[in-house]
């Protein structure tokens, strides 16, 4: 085999090696693209979950604030003294007003 034939053979081997490496590179890029796509989908799902959780937390905070306001209103009502005494039977039989006041009232 002459040098020219050896060079042709070695060039052919080089071309085959380059083709093989190109094919391997494309396959690796496709795998990376698939992994990246999968990670993006998972990230999008997690972002949606986080947004939903934040929405729920916002609603819980609103409900908590409403409950606090209602509790404060109940406490305010509980601290208000609404003294009511029903008249006892003895109060109906006698008046607490002095007799002079009763007379003035009757004259009117």
PDB file of N, CA and C in Angstrom:
ATOM      1  N   UNK A   1       0.863  -1.165   0.000  1.00  0.00           N
ATOM      2  CA  UNK A   1       0.000   0.000   0.000  1.00  0.00           C
ATOM      3  C   UNK A   1       0.909   1.227   0.000  1.00  0.00           C
ATOM      4  N   UNK A   2       0.583   2.133  -0.916  1.00  0.00           N
ATOM      5  CA  UNK A   2       1.422   3.321  -1.011  1.00  0.00           C
ATOM      6  C   UNK A   2       0.948   4.388  -0.038  1.00  0.00           C
ATOM      7  N   UNK A   3       1.735   5.408   0.081  1.00  0.00           N
ATOM      8  CA  UNK A   3       1.449   6.471   1.044  1.00  0.00           C
ATOM      9  C   UNK A   3       0.128   7.163   0.678  1.00  0.00           C
ATOM     10  N   UNK A   4      -0.099   7.325  -0.610  1.00  0.00           N
ATOM     11  CA  UNK A   4      -1.317   7.987  -1.047  1.00  0.00           C
ATOM     12  C   UNK A   4      -2.540   7.182  -0.615  1.00  0.00           C
ATOM     13  N   UNK A   5      -2.484   5.864  -0.756  1.00  0.00           N
ATOM     14  CA  UNK A   5      -3.589   5.009  -0.344  1.00  0.00           C
ATOM     15  C   UNK A   5      -3.777   5.046   1.163  1.00  0.00           C
ATOM     16  N   UNK A   6      -2.656   5.064   1.876  1.00  0.00           N
ATOM     17  CA  UNK A   6      -2.742   5.149   3.339  1.00  0.00           C
ATOM     18  C   UNK A   6      -3.381   6.475   3.756  1.00  0.00           C
ATOM     19  N   UNK A   7      -3.015   7.555   3.074  1.00  0.00           N
ATOM     20  CA  UNK A   7      -3.591   8.861   3.397  1.00  0.00           C
ATOM     21  C   UNK A   7      -5.096   8.867   3.104  1.00  0.00           C
ATOM     22  N   UNK A   8      -5.464   8.244   1.971  1.00  0.00           N
ATOM     23  CA  UNK A   8      -6.886   8.161   1.645  1.00  0.00           C
ATOM     24  C   UNK A   8      -7.623   7.350   2.701  1.00  0.00           C
ATOM     25  N   UNK A   9      -7.021   6.242   3.110  1.00  0.00           N
ATOM     26  CA  UNK A   9      -7.635   5.400   4.134  1.00  0.00           C
ATOM     27  C   UNK A   9      -7.721   6.155   5.449  1.00  0.00           C
ATOM     28  N   UNK A  10      -6.659   6.870   5.797  1.00  0.00           N
ATOM     29  CA  UNK A  10      -6.693   7.598   7.070  1.00  0.00           C
ATOM     30  C   UNK A  10      -7.685   8.749   6.982  1.00  0.00           C
ATOM     31  N   UNK A  11      -7.815   9.396   5.814  1.00  0.00           N
ATOM     32  CA  UNK A  11      -8.813  10.452   5.644  1.00  0.00           C
ATOM     33  C   UNK A  11     -10.220   9.870   5.750  1.00  0.00           C
ATOM     34  N   UNK A  12     -10.409   8.681   5.179  1.00  0.00           N
ATOM     35  CA  UNK A  12     -11.717   8.018   5.283  1.00  0.00           C
ATOM     36  C   UNK A  12     -12.029   7.689   6.731  1.00  0.00           C
ATOM     37  N   UNK A  13     -11.030   7.216   7.479  1.00  0.00           N
ATOM     38  CA  UNK A  13     -11.222   6.932   8.905  1.00  0.00           C
ATOM     39  C   UNK A  13     -11.550   8.213   9.663  1.00  0.00           C
ATOM     40  N   UNK A  14     -10.888   9.301   9.288  1.00  0.00           N
ATOM     41  CA  UNK A  14     -11.143  10.587   9.939  1.00  0.00           C
ATOM     42  C   UNK A  14     -12.583  11.041   9.672  1.00  0.00           C
ATOM     43  N   UNK A  15     -13.014  10.899   8.433  1.00  0.00           N
ATOM     44  CA  UNK A  15     -14.385  11.290   8.085  1.00  0.00           C
ATOM     45  C   UNK A  15     -15.404  10.444   8.842  1.00  0.00           C
ATOM     46  N   UNK A  16     -15.145   9.139   8.933  1.00  0.00           N
ATOM     47  CA  UNK A  16     -16.035   8.266   9.687  1.00  0.00           C
ATOM     48  C   UNK A  16     -16.059   8.665  11.160  1.00  0.00           C
ATOM     49  N   UNK A  17     -14.884   8.989  11.696  1.00  0.00           N
ATOM     50  CA  UNK A  17     -14.793   9.406  13.099  1.00  0.00           C
ATOM     51  C   UNK A  17     -15.552  10.721  13.298  1.00  0.00           C
ATOM     52  N   UNK A  18     -15.400  11.657  12.354  1.00  0.00           N
ATOM     53  CA  UNK A  18     -16.104  12.941  12.451  1.00  0.00           C
ATOM     54  C   UNK A  18     -17.611  12.721  12.373  1.00  0.00           C
ATOM     55  N   UNK A  19     -18.045  11.882  11.452  1.00  0.00           N
ATOM     56  CA  UNK A  19     -19.474  11.571  11.343  1.00  0.00           C
ATOM     57  C   UNK A  19     -20.000  10.933  12.619  1.00  0.00           C
ATOM     58  N   UNK A  20     -19.215   9.999  13.168  1.00  0.00           N
ATOM     59  CA  UNK A  20     -19.615   9.338  14.417  1.00  0.00           C
ATOM     60  C   UNK A  20     -19.717  10.354  15.549  1.00  0.00           C
ATOM     61  N   UNK A  21     -18.726  11.240  15.651  1.00  0.00           N
ATOM     62  CA  UNK A  21     -18.751  12.255  16.711  1.00  0.00           C
ATOM     63  C   UNK A  21     -19.905  13.235  16.517  1.00  0.00           C
ATOM     64  N   UNK A  22     -20.177  13.600  15.267  1.00  0.00           N
ATOM     65  CA  UNK A  22     -21.320  14.487  15.004  1.00  0.00           C
ATOM     66  C   UNK A  22     -22.627  13.825  15.418  1.00  0.00           C
ATOM     67  N   UNK A  23     -22.764  12.545  15.078  1.00  0.00           N
ATOM     68  CA  UNK A  23     -23.957  11.797  15.446  1.00  0.00           C
ATOM     69  C   UNK A  23     -24.092  11.702  16.963  1.00  0.00           C
ATOM     70  N   UNK A  24     -22.985  11.421  17.633  1.00  0.00           N
ATOM     71  CA  UNK A  24     -22.995  11.326  19.101  1.00  0.00           C
ATOM     72  C   UNK A  24     -23.344  12.678  19.717  1.00  0.00           C
ATOM     73  N   UNK A  25     -22.811  13.737  19.140  1.00  0.00           N
ATOM     74  CA  UNK A  25     -23.091  15.090  19.648  1.00  0.00           C
ATOM     75  C   UNK A  25     -24.574  15.426  19.482  1.00  0.00           C
ATOM     76  N   UNK A  26     -25.146  15.121  18.307  1.00  0.00           N
ATOM     77  CA  UNK A  26     -26.564  15.388  18.077  1.00  0.00           C
ATOM     78  C   UNK A  26     -27.447  14.588  19.030  1.00  0.00           C
ATOM     79  N   UNK A  27     -27.069  13.326  19.249  1.00  0.00           N
ATOM     80  CA  UNK A  27     -27.831  12.483  20.167  1.00  0.00           C
ATOM     81  C   UNK A  27     -27.766  13.052  21.584  1.00  0.00           C
ATOM     82  N   UNK A  28     -26.588  13.491  21.992  1.00  0.00           N
ATOM     83  CA  UNK A  28     -26.426  14.069  23.327  1.00  0.00           C
ATOM     84  C   UNK A  28     -27.230  15.363  23.449  1.00  0.00           C
ATOM     85  N   UNK A  29     -27.225  16.191  22.403  1.00  0.00           N
ATOM     86  CA  UNK A  29     -28.003  17.432  22.426  1.00  0.00           C
ATOM     87  C   UNK A  29     -29.497  17.140  22.526  1.00  0.00           C
ATOM     88  N   UNK A  30     -29.950  16.113  21.823  1.00  0.00           N
ATOM     89  CA  UNK A  30     -31.361  15.730  21.904  1.00  0.00           C
ATOM     90  C   UNK A  30     -31.719  15.270  23.315  1.00  0.00           C
ATOM     91  N   UNK A  31     -30.827  14.499  23.919  1.00  0.00           N
ATOM     92  CA  UNK A  31     -31.067  14.054  25.300  1.00  0.00           C
ATOM     93  C   UNK A  31     -31.109  15.249  26.244  1.00  0.00           C
ATOM     94  N   UNK A  32     -30.173  16.191  26.064  1.00  0.00           N
ATOM     95  CA  UNK A  32     -30.156  17.388  26.900  1.00  0.00           C
ATOM     96  C   UNK A  32     -31.432  18.205  26.698  1.00  0.00           C
ATOM     97  N   UNK A  33     -31.858  18.327  25.427  1.00  0.00           N
ATOM     98  CA  UNK A  33     -33.086  19.069  25.154  1.00  0.00           C
ATOM     99  C   UNK A  33     -34.292  18.412  25.817  1.00  0.00           C
ATOM    100  N   UNK A  34     -34.330  17.081  25.790  1.00  0.00           N
ATOM    101  CA  UNK A  34     -35.427  16.353  26.436  1.00  0.00           C
ATOM    102  C   UNK A  34     -35.398  16.583  27.949  1.00  0.00           C
ATOM    103  N   UNK A  35     -34.218  16.543  28.533  1.00  0.00           N
ATOM    104  CA  UNK A  35     -34.081  16.774  29.982  1.00  0.00           C
ATOM    105  C   UNK A  35     -34.494  18.200  30.322  1.00  0.00           C
ATOM    106  N   UNK A  36     -34.030  19.156  29.535  1.00  0.00           N
ATOM    107  CA  UNK A  36     -34.371  20.559  29.785  1.00  0.00           C
ATOM    108  C   UNK A  36     -35.875  20.767  29.651  1.00  0.00           C
ATOM    109  N   UNK A  37     -36.492  20.154  28.630  1.00  0.00           N
ATOM    110  CA  UNK A  37     -37.945  20.259  28.468  1.00  0.00           C
ATOM    111  C   UNK A  37     -38.683  19.685  29.657  1.00  0.00           C
ATOM    112  N   UNK A  38     -38.212  18.551  30.138  1.00  0.00           N
ATOM    113  CA  UNK A  38     -38.834  17.919  31.307  1.00  0.00           C
ATOM    114  C   UNK A  38     -38.687  18.812  32.540  1.00  0.00           C
ATOM    115  N   UNK A  39     -37.509  19.390  32.716  1.00  0.00           N
ATOM    116  CA  UNK A  39     -37.283  20.271  33.864  1.00  0.00           C
ATOM    117  C   UNK A  39     -38.147  21.533  33.770  1.00  0.00           C
ATOM    118  N   UNK A  40     -38.302  22.067  32.563  1.00  0.00           N
ATOM    119  CA  UNK A  40     -39.145  23.253  32.391  1.00  0.00           C
ATOM    120  C   UNK A  40     -40.596  22.947  32.739  1.00  0.00           C
ATOM    121  N   UNK A  41     -41.082  21.772  32.316  1.00  0.00           N
ATOM    122  CA  UNK A  41     -42.454  21.382  32.647  1.00  0.00           C
ATOM    123  C   UNK A  41     -42.627  21.254  34.159  1.00  0.00           C
ATOM    124  N   UNK A  42     -41.652  20.614  34.806  1.00  0.00           N
ATOM    125  CA  UNK A  42     -41.723  20.449  36.260  1.00  0.00           C
ATOM    126  C   UNK A  42     -41.673  21.798  36.961  1.00  0.00           C
ATOM    127  N   UNK A  43     -40.820  22.694  36.470  1.00  0.00           N
ATOM    128  CA  UNK A  43     -40.716  24.028  37.054  1.00  0.00           C
ATOM    129  C   UNK A  43     -42.016  24.800  36.890  1.00  0.00           C
ATOM    130  N   UNK A  44     -42.625  24.691  35.728  1.00  0.00           N
ATOM    131  CA  UNK A  44     -43.905  25.364  35.479  1.00  0.00           C
ATOM    132  C   UNK A  44     -44.977  24.827  36.427  1.00  0.00           C
ATOM    133  N   UNK A  45     -44.984  23.521  36.620  1.00  0.00           N
ATOM    134  CA  UNK A  45     -45.950  22.914  37.533  1.00  0.00           C
ATOM    135  C   UNK A  45     -45.718  23.403  38.962  1.00  0.00           C
ATOM    136  N   UNK A  46     -44.453  23.457  39.379  1.00  0.00           N
ATOM    137  CA  UNK A  46     -44.144  23.914  40.732  1.00  0.00           C
ATOM    138  C   UNK A  46     -44.506  25.378  40.907  1.00  0.00           C
ATOM    139  N   UNK A  47     -44.274  26.192  39.883  1.00  0.00           N
ATOM    140  CA  UNK A  47     -44.660  27.601  39.956  1.00  0.00           C
ATOM    141  C   UNK A  47     -46.171  27.740  40.095  1.00  0.00           C
ATOM    142  N   UNK A  48     -46.910  26.927  39.360  1.00  0.00           N
ATOM    143  CA  UNK A  48     -48.375  26.962  39.466  1.00  0.00           C
ATOM    144  C   UNK A  48     -48.810  26.549  40.867  1.00  0.00           C
ATOM    145  N   UNK A  49     -48.168  25.520  41.428  1.00  0.00           N
ATOM    146  CA  UNK A  49     -48.485  25.080  42.792  1.00  0.00           C
ATOM    147  C   UNK A  49     -48.193  26.183  43.801  1.00  0.00           C
ATOM    148  N   UNK A  50     -47.056  26.842  43.628  1.00  0.00           N
ATOM    149  CA  UNK A  50     -46.680  27.933  44.541  1.00  0.00           C
ATOM    150  C   UNK A  50     -47.686  29.075  44.439  1.00  0.00           C
ATOM    151  N   UNK A  51     -48.075  29.417  43.207  1.00  0.00           N
ATOM    152  CA  UNK A  51     -49.067  30.483  43.026  1.00  0.00           C
ATOM    153  C   UNK A  51     -50.391  30.117  43.684  1.00  0.00           C
ATOM    154  N   UNK A  52     -50.791  28.867  43.561  1.00  0.00           N
ATOM    155  CA  UNK A  52     -52.033  28.408  44.192  1.00  0.00           C
ATOM    156  C   UNK A  52     -51.920  28.486  45.715  1.00  0.00           C
ATOM    157  N   UNK A  53     -50.765  28.076  46.241  1.00  0.00           N
ATOM    158  CA  UNK A  53     -50.562  28.134  47.693  1.00  0.00           C
ATOM    159  C   UNK A  53     -50.582  29.577  48.183  1.00  0.00           C
ATOM    160  N   UNK A  54     -49.989  30.478  47.413  1.00  0.00           N
ATOM    161  CA  UNK A  54     -49.994  31.888  47.804  1.00  0.00           C
ATOM    162  C   UNK A  54     -51.414  32.444  47.774  1.00  0.00           C
ATOM    163  N   UNK A  55     -52.193  32.008  46.800  1.00  0.00           N
ATOM    164  CA  UNK A  55     -53.594  32.441  46.709  1.00  0.00           C
ATOM    165  C   UNK A  55     -54.371  31.952  47.932  1.00  0.00           C
ATOM    166  N   UNK A  56     -54.166  30.688  48.290  1.00  0.00           N
ATOM    167  CA  UNK A  56     -54.846  30.116  49.459  1.00  0.00           C
ATOM    168  C   UNK A  56     -54.404  30.840  50.725  1.00  0.00           C
ATOM    169  N   UNK A  57     -53.100  31.138  50.836  1.00  0.00           N
ATOM    170  CA  UNK A  57     -52.613  31.855  52.014  1.00  0.00           C
ATOM    171  C   UNK A  57     -53.238  33.236  52.104  1.00  0.00           C
ATOM    172  N   UNK A  58     -53.414  33.889  50.949  1.00  0.00           N
ATOM    173  CA  UNK A  58     -54.068  35.200  50.929  1.00  0.00           C
ATOM    174  C   UNK A  58     -55.505  35.107  51.419  1.00  0.00           C
ATOM    175  N   UNK A  59     -56.212  34.087  50.966  1.00  0.00           N
ATOM    176  CA  UNK A  59     -57.588  33.884  51.414  1.00  0.00           C
ATOM    177  C   UNK A  59     -57.632  33.590  52.914  1.00  0.00           C
ATOM    178  N   UNK A  60     -56.691  32.774  53.382  1.00  0.00           N
ATOM    179  CA  UNK A  60     -56.635  32.466  54.816  1.00  0.00           C
ATOM    180  C   UNK A  60     -56.364  33.726  55.623  1.00  0.00           C
ATOM    181  N   UNK A  61     -55.497  34.589  55.122  1.00  0.00           N
ATOM    182  CA  UNK A  61     -55.190  35.835  55.821  1.00  0.00           C
ATOM    183  C   UNK A  61     -56.427  36.721  55.890  1.00  0.00           C
ATOM    184  N   UNK A  62     -57.173  36.800  54.775  1.00  0.00           N
ATOM    185  CA  UNK A  62     -58.404  37.590  54.775  1.00  0.00           C
ATOM    186  C   UNK A  62     -59.396  37.040  55.789  1.00  0.00           C
ATOM    187  N   UNK A  63     -59.554  35.714  55.797  1.00  0.00           N
ATOM    188  CA  UNK A  63     -60.475  35.090  56.759  1.00  0.00           C
ATOM    189  C   UNK A  63     -60.011  35.318  58.184  1.00  0.00           C
ATOM    190  N   UNK A  64     -58.701  35.251  58.387  1.00  0.00           N
ATOM    191  CA  UNK A  64     -58.153  35.489  59.730  1.00  0.00           C
ATOM    192  C   UNK A  64     -58.462  36.911  60.178  1.00  0.00           C
ATOM    193  N   UNK A  65     -58.292  37.880  59.267  1.00  0.00           N
ATOM    194  CA  UNK A  65     -58.587  39.267  59.603  1.00  0.00           C
ATOM    195  C   UNK A  65     -60.070  39.462  59.913  1.00  0.00           C
ATOM    196  N   UNK A  66     -60.934  38.812  59.132  1.00  0.00           N
ATOM    197  CA  UNK A  66     -62.372  38.900  59.396  1.00  0.00           C
ATOM    198  C   UNK A  66     -62.704  38.333  60.772  1.00  0.00           C
ATOM    199  N   UNK A  67     -62.111  37.171  61.076  1.00  0.00           N
ATOM    200  CA  UNK A  67     -62.370  36.563  62.380  1.00  0.00           C
ATOM    201  C   UNK A  67     -61.867  37.445  63.517  1.00  0.00           C
ATOM    202  N   UNK A  68     -60.706  38.046  63.337  1.00  0.00           N
ATOM    203  CA  UNK A  68     -60.182  38.951  64.372  1.00  0.00           C
ATOM    204  C   UNK A  68     -61.143  40.108  64.590  1.00  0.00           C
ATOM    205  N   UNK A  69     -61.663  40.676  63.504  1.00  0.00           N
ATOM    206  CA  UNK A  69     -62.614  41.787  63.628  1.00  0.00           C
ATOM    207  C   UNK A  69     -63.890  41.342  64.328  1.00  0.00           C
ATOM    208  N   UNK A  70     -64.372  40.151  63.976  1.00  0.00           N
ATOM    209  CA  UNK A  70     -65.575  39.643  64.628  1.00  0.00           C
ATOM    210  C   UNK A  70     -65.329  39.382  66.110  1.00  0.00           C
ATOM    211  N   UNK A  71     -64.172  38.840  66.429  1.00  0.00           N
ATOM    212  CA  UNK A  71     -63.834  38.591  67.841  1.00  0.00           C
ATOM    213  C   UNK A  71     -63.765  39.906  68.596  1.00  0.00           C
ATOM    214  N   UNK A  72     -63.159  40.925  67.990  1.00  0.00           N
ATOM    215  CA  UNK A  72     -63.088  42.236  68.647  1.00  0.00           C
ATOM    216  C   UNK A  72     -64.484  42.814  68.856  1.00  0.00           C
ATOM    217  N   UNK A  73     -65.361  42.614  67.885  1.00  0.00           N
ATOM    218  CA  UNK A  73     -66.735  43.119  68.029  1.00  0.00           C
ATOM    219  C   UNK A  73     -67.451  42.401  69.163  1.00  0.00           C
ATOM    220  N   UNK A  74     -67.257  41.097  69.262  1.00  0.00           N
ATOM    221  CA  UNK A  74     -67.881  40.327  70.343  1.00  0.00           C
ATOM    222  C   UNK A  74     -67.309  40.759  71.687  1.00  0.00           C
ATOM    223  N   UNK A  75     -65.994  40.974  71.729  1.00  0.00           N
ATOM    224  CA  UNK A  75     -65.377  41.440  72.988  1.00  0.00           C
ATOM    225  C   UNK A  75     -65.926  42.810  73.384  1.00  0.00           C
ATOM    226  N   UNK A  76     -66.088  43.682  72.399  1.00  0.00           N
ATOM    227  CA  UNK A  76     -66.624  45.012  72.699  1.00  0.00           C
ATOM    228  C   UNK A  76     -68.039  44.906  73.242  1.00  0.00           C
ATOM    229  N   UNK A  77     -68.832  44.002  72.645  1.00  0.00           N
ATOM    230  CA  UNK A  77     -70.194  43.822  73.133  1.00  0.00           C
ATOM    231  C   UNK A  77     -70.183  43.196  74.527  1.00  0.00           C
ATOM    232  N   UNK A  78     -69.247  42.303  74.779  1.00  0.00           N
ATOM    233  CA  UNK A  78     -69.179  41.648  76.081  1.00  0.00           C
ATOM    234  C   UNK A  78     -68.748  42.635  77.159  1.00  0.00           C
ATOM    235  N   UNK A  79     -67.916  43.606  76.777  1.00  0.00           N
ATOM    236  CA  UNK A  79     -67.448  44.594  77.753  1.00  0.00           C
ATOM    237  C   UNK A  79     -68.482  45.690  77.995  1.00  0.00           C
ATOM    238  N   UNK A  80     -69.471  45.803  77.134  1.00  0.00           N
ATOM    239  CA  UNK A  80     -70.525  46.790  77.317  1.00  0.00           C
ATOM    240  C   UNK A  80     -71.494  46.258  78.368  1.00  0.00           C
ATOM    241  N   UNK A  81     -71.785  47.093  79.321  1.00  0.00           N
ATOM    242  CA  UNK A  81     -72.677  46.667  80.392  1.00  0.00           C
ATOM    243  C   UNK A  81     -74.099  47.086  80.047  1.00  0.00           C
ATOM    244  N   UNK A  82     -74.903  46.136  79.743  1.00  0.00           N
ATOM    245  CA  UNK A  82     -76.314  46.399  79.496  1.00  0.00           C
ATOM    246  C   UNK A  82     -77.081  45.903  80.717  1.00  0.00           C
ATOM    247  N   UNK A  83     -77.178  46.775  81.707  1.00  0.00           N
ATOM    248  CA  UNK A  83     -77.826  46.398  82.953  1.00  0.00           C
ATOM    249  C   UNK A  83     -79.333  46.541  82.773  1.00  0.00           C
ATOM    250  N   UNK A  84     -79.993  45.449  82.899  1.00  0.00           N
ATOM    251  CA  UNK A  84     -81.438  45.464  82.816  1.00  0.00           C
ATOM    252  C   UNK A  84     -81.944  44.645  83.980  1.00  0.00           C
ATOM    253  N   UNK A  85     -82.811  45.262  84.727  1.00  0.00           N
ATOM    254  CA  UNK A  85     -83.439  44.516  85.828  1.00  0.00           C
ATOM    255  C   UNK A  85     -84.936  44.537  85.587  1.00  0.00           C
ATOM    256  N   UNK A  86     -85.498  43.410  85.633  1.00  0.00           N
ATOM    257  CA  UNK A  86     -86.946  43.360  85.471  1.00  0.00           C
ATOM    258  C   UNK A  86     -87.586  43.820  86.775  1.00  0.00           C
ATOM    259  N   UNK A  87     -88.721  44.442  86.673  1.00  0.00           N
ATOM    260  CA  UNK A  87     -89.366  44.903  87.916  1.00  0.00           C
ATOM    261  C   UNK A  87     -89.796  43.707  88.769  1.00  0.00           C
ATOM    262  N   UNK A  88     -89.525  43.841  90.021  1.00  0.00           N
ATOM    263  CA  UNK A  88     -89.946  42.775  90.928  1.00  0.00           C
ATOM    264  C   UNK A  88     -91.411  43.022  91.306  1.00  0.00           C
ATOM    265  N   UNK A  89     -92.085  42.034  91.793  1.00  0.00           N
ATOM    266  CA  UNK A  89     -93.497  42.216  92.178  1.00  0.00           C
ATOM    267  C   UNK A  89     -93.684  43.312  93.221  1.00  0.00           C
ATOM    268  N   UNK A  90     -92.749  43.468  94.103  1.00  0.00           N
ATOM    269  CA  UNK A  90     -92.926  44.513  95.122  1.00  0.00           C
ATOM    270  C   UNK A  90     -92.787  45.898  94.523  1.00  0.00           C
ATOM    271  N   UNK A  91     -92.012  46.031  93.417  1.00  0.00           N
ATOM    272  CA  UNK A  91     -91.884  47.335  92.778  1.00  0.00           C
ATOM    273  C   UNK A  91     -93.198  47.774  92.152  1.00  0.00           C
ATOM    274  N   UNK A  92     -94.017  46.859  91.747  1.00  0.00           N
ATOM    275  CA  UNK A  92     -95.281  47.212  91.123  1.00  0.00           C
ATOM    276  C   UNK A  92     -96.299  47.699  92.158  1.00  0.00           C
ATOM    277  N   UNK A  93     -96.153  47.219  93.359  1.00  0.00           N
ATOM    278  CA  UNK A  93     -97.144  47.579  94.380  1.00  0.00           C
ATOM    279  C   UNK A  93     -96.906  48.967  94.951  1.00  0.00           C
ATOM    280  N   UNK A  94     -95.686  49.392  95.033  1.00  0.00           N
ATOM    281  CA  UNK A  94     -95.417  50.715  95.593  1.00  0.00           C
ATOM    282  C   UNK A  94     -94.547  51.497  94.636  1.00  0.00           C
ATOM    283  N   UNK A  95     -94.736  52.752  94.620  1.00  0.00           N
ATOM    284  CA  UNK A  95     -93.951  53.611  93.756  1.00  0.00           C
ATOM    285  C   UNK A  95     -92.710  54.050  94.503  1.00  0.00           C
ATOM    286  N   UNK A  96     -91.652  54.255  93.821  1.00  0.00           N
ATOM    287  CA  UNK A  96     -90.423  54.736  94.446  1.00  0.00           C
ATOM    288  C   UNK A  96     -90.393  56.255  94.487  1.00  0.00           C
ATOM    289  N   UNK A  97     -91.293  56.845  93.797  1.00  0.00           N
ATOM    290  CA  UNK A  97     -91.308  58.303  93.778  1.00  0.00           C
ATOM    291  C   UNK A  97     -91.876  58.811  95.100  1.00  0.00           C
ATOM    292  N   UNK A  98     -91.347  59.908  95.543  1.00  0.00           N
ATOM    293  CA  UNK A  98     -91.924  60.474  96.773  1.00  0.00           C
ATOM    294  C   UNK A  98     -93.390  60.871  96.547  1.00  0.00           C
ATOM    295  N   UNK A  99     -94.099  60.859  97.572  1.00  0.00           N
ATOM    296  CA  UNK A  99     -95.538  61.122  97.441  1.00  0.00           C
ATOM    297  C   UNK A  99     -95.804  62.500  96.851  1.00  0.00           C
ATOM    298  N   UNK A 100     -94.958  63.450  97.104  1.00  0.00           N
ATOM    299  CA  UNK A 100     -95.161  64.793  96.549  1.00  0.00           C
ATOM    300  C   UNK A 100     -94.996  64.765  95.030  1.00  0.00           C
ATOM    301  N   UNK A 101     -94.086  63.982  94.526  1.00  0.00           N
ATOM    302  CA  UNK A 101     -93.875  63.883  93.072  1.00  0.00           C
ATOM    303  C   UNK A 101     -95.068  63.216  92.421  1.00  0.00           C
ATOM    304  N   UNK A 102     -95.645  62.237  93.091  1.00  0.00           N
ATOM    305  CA  UNK A 102     -96.803  61.546  92.522  1.00  0.00           C
ATOM    306  C   UNK A 102     -97.976  62.508  92.426  1.00  0.00           C
ATOM    307  N   UNK A 103     -98.150  63.342  93.401  1.00  0.00           N
ATOM    308  CA  UNK A 103     -99.266  64.298  93.391  1.00  0.00           C
ATOM    309  C   UNK A 103     -99.098  65.291  92.259  1.00  0.00           C
ATOM    310  N   UNK A 104     -97.862  65.769  92.065  1.00  0.00           N
ATOM    311  CA  UNK A 104     -97.631  66.737  90.993  1.00  0.00           C
ATOM    312  C   UNK A 104     -97.912  66.095  89.629  1.00  0.00           C
ATOM    313  N   UNK A 105     -97.562  64.839  89.509  1.00  0.00           N
ATOM    314  CA  UNK A 105     -97.755  64.157  88.254  1.00  0.00           C
ATOM    315  C   UNK A 105     -99.241  63.963  87.970  1.00  0.00           C
ATOM    316  N   UNK A 106    -100.008  63.665  89.018  1.00  0.00           N
ATOM    317  CA  UNK A 106    -101.439  63.445  88.833  1.00  0.00           C
ATOM    318  C   UNK A 106    -102.151  64.725  88.418  1.00  0.00           C
ATOM    319  N   UNK A 107    -101.693  65.888  88.899  1.00  0.00           N
ATOM    320  CA  UNK A 107    -102.336  67.156  88.585  1.00  0.00           C
ATOM    321  C   UNK A 107    -102.235  67.478  87.104  1.00  0.00           C
ATOM    322  N   UNK A 108    -101.207  67.074  86.483  1.00  0.00           N
ATOM    323  CA  UNK A 108    -101.027  67.396  85.075  1.00  0.00           C
ATOM    324  C   UNK A 108    -101.965  66.644  84.256  1.00  0.00           C
TER     325      UNK A 108
END
